[in-house]
Amino acid sequence: MDLTQGTLEEKNGRAKKMMLWFGIISLIMSFAGWTSAFVVSSSRPDWLKDFQLPNAFIISTIVIVLSSLSFLMAKKALKETSNKAAMLWLFITLILGVVFIVFQFSGFQQIIDLGYNFTGPTSNVTMSYIYLIAVVHILHVVVGLICLLVVIYNHFKQNYTPTKMLGFELALTFWHFIDILWVYLFLFLYFVR
């Protein structure tokens, strides 16, 4: 396919999708670096080998997967020109995104209650990695929530149609990415000792 062909709107859409994928690939590389460092550091003598992630992280994983499903339902409703249903699913996605963050912080509190902190005399390298990886992911979820708010605003202004939904699709792609990324991170932190 010749990328120089098409209308200006089509070229603009392809460029925006490509920029999103460049950003996603750079984020994948960042998290791959952190998880690689986690594996390398696990040979340290002060590494916690018997630590289990708190249950709040399991619940947050279920919540973020449900949020991706609700975002897909919003897209389906939009394609069927059911604007009220699409708005409802978008708000459900927003609420689930916030609930995800709440459960993440609940998980942090459970870790602190076990006596482990990010810094200070009760910290160790294992917990520092867990905090770092989870907090950086939470920051990306916040970015996803901001994108979602923009999508909700644009949908309220009726800027999307079944054939014109570029901003919607970009936000959906990013949301699915942060969902899949967390599932990977959770499984990595849960099973890699």
Protein backbone atom coordinates (compact mmCIF):
# COMPACT_ATOMS: atom_id res chain seq x y z
CA MET A 1 0.00 0.00 0.00
CA ASP A 2 1.29 3.43 -0.94
CA LEU A 3 1.10 5.55 2.22
CA THR A 4 1.15 8.75 0.16
CA GLN A 5 -2.25 7.94 -1.32
CA GLY A 6 -5.58 8.89 0.16
CA THR A 7 -7.25 12.00 1.46
CA LEU A 8 -5.60 14.36 3.90
CA GLU A 9 -7.86 12.97 6.64
CA GLU A 10 -6.77 9.39 5.87
CA LYS A 11 -3.09 10.39 5.90
CA ASN A 12 -3.59 12.27 9.18
CA GLY A 13 -5.28 9.21 10.71
CA ARG A 14 -2.45 6.91 9.62
CA ALA A 15 0.13 9.32 11.04
CA LYS A 16 -1.64 9.50 14.41
CA LYS A 17 -1.97 5.73 14.61
CA MET A 18 1.73 5.35 13.77
CA MET A 19 2.73 7.84 16.47
CA LEU A 20 0.63 5.97 19.02
CA TRP A 21 2.36 2.71 18.08
CA PHE A 22 5.79 4.36 18.37
CA GLY A 23 4.82 5.45 21.89
CA ILE A 24 3.51 1.99 22.78
CA ILE A 25 6.69 0.32 21.52
CA SER A 26 8.84 2.70 23.59
CA LEU A 27 6.74 1.88 26.68
CA ILE A 28 7.13 -1.84 26.00
CA MET A 29 10.89 -1.36 25.87
CA SER A 30 10.86 0.56 29.17
CA PHE A 31 8.85 -2.07 31.01
CA ALA A 32 10.95 -4.84 29.42
CA GLY A 33 14.02 -3.13 30.86
CA TRP A 34 12.49 -2.94 34.35
CA THR A 35 11.33 -6.53 34.31
CA SER A 36 14.75 -7.64 33.04
CA ALA A 37 16.40 -5.72 35.88
CA PHE A 38 13.97 -7.44 38.25
CA VAL A 39 15.13 -10.86 37.02
CA VAL A 40 18.82 -9.92 37.22
CA SER A 41 18.40 -8.46 40.71
CA SER A 42 16.62 -11.57 41.98
CA SER A 43 20.00 -13.24 42.49
CA ARG A 44 20.87 -10.76 45.25
CA PRO A 45 21.16 -12.20 48.76
CA ASP A 46 18.60 -9.71 50.14
CA TRP A 47 15.95 -10.64 47.55
CA LEU A 48 12.56 -11.76 48.93
CA LYS A 49 11.87 -15.15 47.38
CA ASP A 50 8.68 -16.07 49.25
CA PHE A 51 6.75 -12.80 48.86
CA GLN A 52 3.19 -13.09 47.53
CA LEU A 53 1.43 -10.17 45.87
CA PRO A 54 -1.54 -8.92 47.89
CA ASN A 55 -5.06 -9.93 46.84
CA ALA A 56 -5.84 -6.33 45.90
CA PHE A 57 -3.58 -6.76 42.87
CA ILE A 58 -5.58 -9.80 41.76
CA ILE A 59 -8.83 -7.84 42.04
CA SER A 60 -7.33 -4.87 40.18
CA THR A 61 -6.30 -7.21 37.36
CA ILE A 62 -9.88 -8.45 37.00
CA VAL A 63 -11.14 -4.86 37.09
CA ILE A 64 -8.84 -3.63 34.33
CA VAL A 65 -9.75 -6.57 32.08
CA LEU A 66 -13.43 -5.73 32.63
CA SER A 67 -12.68 -2.10 31.73
CA SER A 68 -11.29 -3.18 28.36
CA LEU A 69 -14.44 -5.20 27.74
CA SER A 70 -16.64 -2.22 28.63
CA PHE A 71 -14.62 0.01 26.27
CA LEU A 72 -15.22 -2.56 23.51
CA MET A 73 -18.93 -2.48 24.30
CA ALA A 74 -18.84 1.31 23.95
CA LYS A 75 -17.29 0.96 20.49
CA LYS A 76 -19.91 -1.62 19.50
CA ALA A 77 -22.69 0.69 20.68
CA LEU A 78 -21.16 3.64 18.81
CA LYS A 79 -20.98 1.61 15.60
CA GLU A 80 -24.65 0.74 16.06
CA THR A 81 -25.38 4.49 16.57
CA SER A 82 -26.64 3.82 20.06
CA ASN A 83 -25.16 6.97 21.59
CA LYS A 84 -26.72 6.60 25.04
CA ALA A 85 -25.44 3.03 25.39
CA ALA A 86 -22.00 4.12 24.18
CA MET A 87 -21.93 6.90 26.78
CA LEU A 88 -23.00 4.46 29.51
CA TRP A 89 -20.21 2.01 28.57
CA LEU A 90 -17.67 4.85 28.46
CA PHE A 91 -18.64 5.92 31.99
CA ILE A 92 -18.45 2.31 33.17
CA THR A 93 -14.93 2.14 31.70
CA LEU A 94 -13.99 5.36 33.47
CA ILE A 95 -15.31 4.08 36.80
CA LEU A 96 -13.51 0.76 36.39
CA GLY A 97 -10.27 2.62 35.61
CA VAL A 98 -10.59 4.58 38.84
CA VAL A 99 -11.46 1.39 40.76
CA PHE A 100 -8.30 -0.21 39.33
CA ILE A 101 -6.17 2.61 40.77
CA VAL A 102 -7.96 2.37 44.14
CA PHE A 103 -7.18 -1.36 44.34
CA GLN A 104 -3.56 -0.71 43.36
CA PHE A 105 -3.18 1.68 46.27
CA SER A 106 -4.96 -0.82 48.50
CA GLY A 107 -2.33 -3.35 47.43
CA PHE A 108 0.41 -0.88 48.34
CA GLN A 109 -1.18 -0.47 51.76
CA GLN A 110 -1.27 -4.24 52.23
CA ILE A 111 2.45 -4.36 51.39
CA ILE A 112 3.14 -1.59 53.93
CA ASP A 113 1.03 -3.45 56.52
CA LEU A 114 3.35 -6.43 56.01
CA GLY A 115 6.22 -4.17 57.03
CA TYR A 116 7.72 -3.35 53.62
CA ASN A 117 8.19 0.21 52.41
CA PHE A 118 9.47 1.76 49.20
CA THR A 119 12.32 3.54 50.99
CA GLY A 120 13.86 3.60 54.43
CA PRO A 121 15.06 0.91 56.81
CA THR A 122 12.12 -1.43 56.12
CA SER A 123 12.57 -1.32 52.35
CA ASN A 124 14.38 -3.77 50.13
CA VAL A 125 15.15 -4.10 46.45
CA THR A 126 12.25 -6.50 45.78
CA MET A 127 9.64 -4.06 47.09
CA SER A 128 11.33 -1.14 45.34
CA TYR A 129 10.91 -2.90 41.99
CA ILE A 130 7.29 -3.78 42.72
CA TYR A 131 6.50 -0.20 43.70
CA LEU A 132 8.34 1.24 40.70
CA ILE A 133 6.70 -1.02 38.15
CA ALA A 134 3.19 -0.60 39.61
CA VAL A 135 3.43 3.17 40.09
CA VAL A 136 4.72 3.80 36.58
CA HIS A 137 1.88 1.66 35.25
CA ILE A 138 -0.62 3.62 37.37
CA LEU A 139 0.69 6.83 35.78
CA HIS A 140 -0.10 5.37 32.37
CA VAL A 141 -3.58 4.41 33.54
CA VAL A 142 -4.06 8.05 34.60
CA VAL A 143 -3.06 9.10 31.08
CA GLY A 144 -5.57 6.56 29.76
CA LEU A 145 -8.27 8.05 32.02
CA ILE A 146 -7.49 11.53 30.67
CA CYS A 147 -7.83 10.16 27.13
CA LEU A 148 -11.09 8.54 28.15
CA LEU A 149 -12.40 11.86 29.49
CA VAL A 150 -11.54 13.47 26.15
CA VAL A 151 -13.40 10.67 24.37
CA ILE A 152 -16.43 11.14 26.66
CA TYR A 153 -16.40 14.89 25.97
CA ASN A 154 -16.11 14.38 22.20
CA HIS A 155 -18.85 11.75 22.28
CA PHE A 156 -21.08 14.13 24.24
CA LYS A 157 -20.43 16.76 21.53
CA GLN A 158 -21.38 14.07 18.96
CA ASN A 159 -18.00 14.25 17.24
CA TYR A 160 -17.93 10.50 16.58
CA THR A 161 -19.91 8.57 14.01
CA PRO A 162 -19.71 4.90 13.00
CA THR A 163 -17.39 5.95 10.14
CA LYS A 164 -15.50 8.76 11.91
CA MET A 165 -14.05 7.63 15.20
CA LEU A 166 -10.27 8.10 15.02
CA GLY A 167 -9.87 9.64 18.50
CA PHE A 168 -12.09 6.94 19.96
CA GLU A 169 -10.03 4.18 18.34
CA LEU A 170 -6.72 5.72 19.43
CA ALA A 171 -7.92 5.88 23.05
CA LEU A 172 -9.26 2.32 22.80
CA THR A 173 -5.93 1.04 21.48
CA PHE A 174 -4.02 2.77 24.29
CA TRP A 175 -6.47 1.46 26.90
CA HIS A 176 -6.11 -2.10 25.63
CA PHE A 177 -2.34 -1.68 25.72
CA ILE A 178 -2.30 -0.61 29.38
CA ASP A 179 -4.69 -3.49 30.14
CA ILE A 180 -2.50 -6.10 28.44
CA LEU A 181 0.59 -4.51 29.98
CA TRP A 182 -0.83 -4.85 33.50
CA VAL A 183 -1.86 -8.48 32.92
CA TYR A 184 1.72 -9.18 31.82
CA LEU A 185 3.19 -7.26 34.78
CA PHE A 186 0.88 -8.97 37.26
CA LEU A 187 1.71 -12.45 35.95
CA PHE A 188 5.40 -11.56 35.89
CA LEU A 189 5.40 -10.25 39.47
CA TYR A 190 3.23 -13.14 40.66
CA PHE A 191 5.25 -15.98 39.14
CA VAL A 192 8.82 -14.67 38.84
CA ARG A 193 10.61 -14.95 42.15
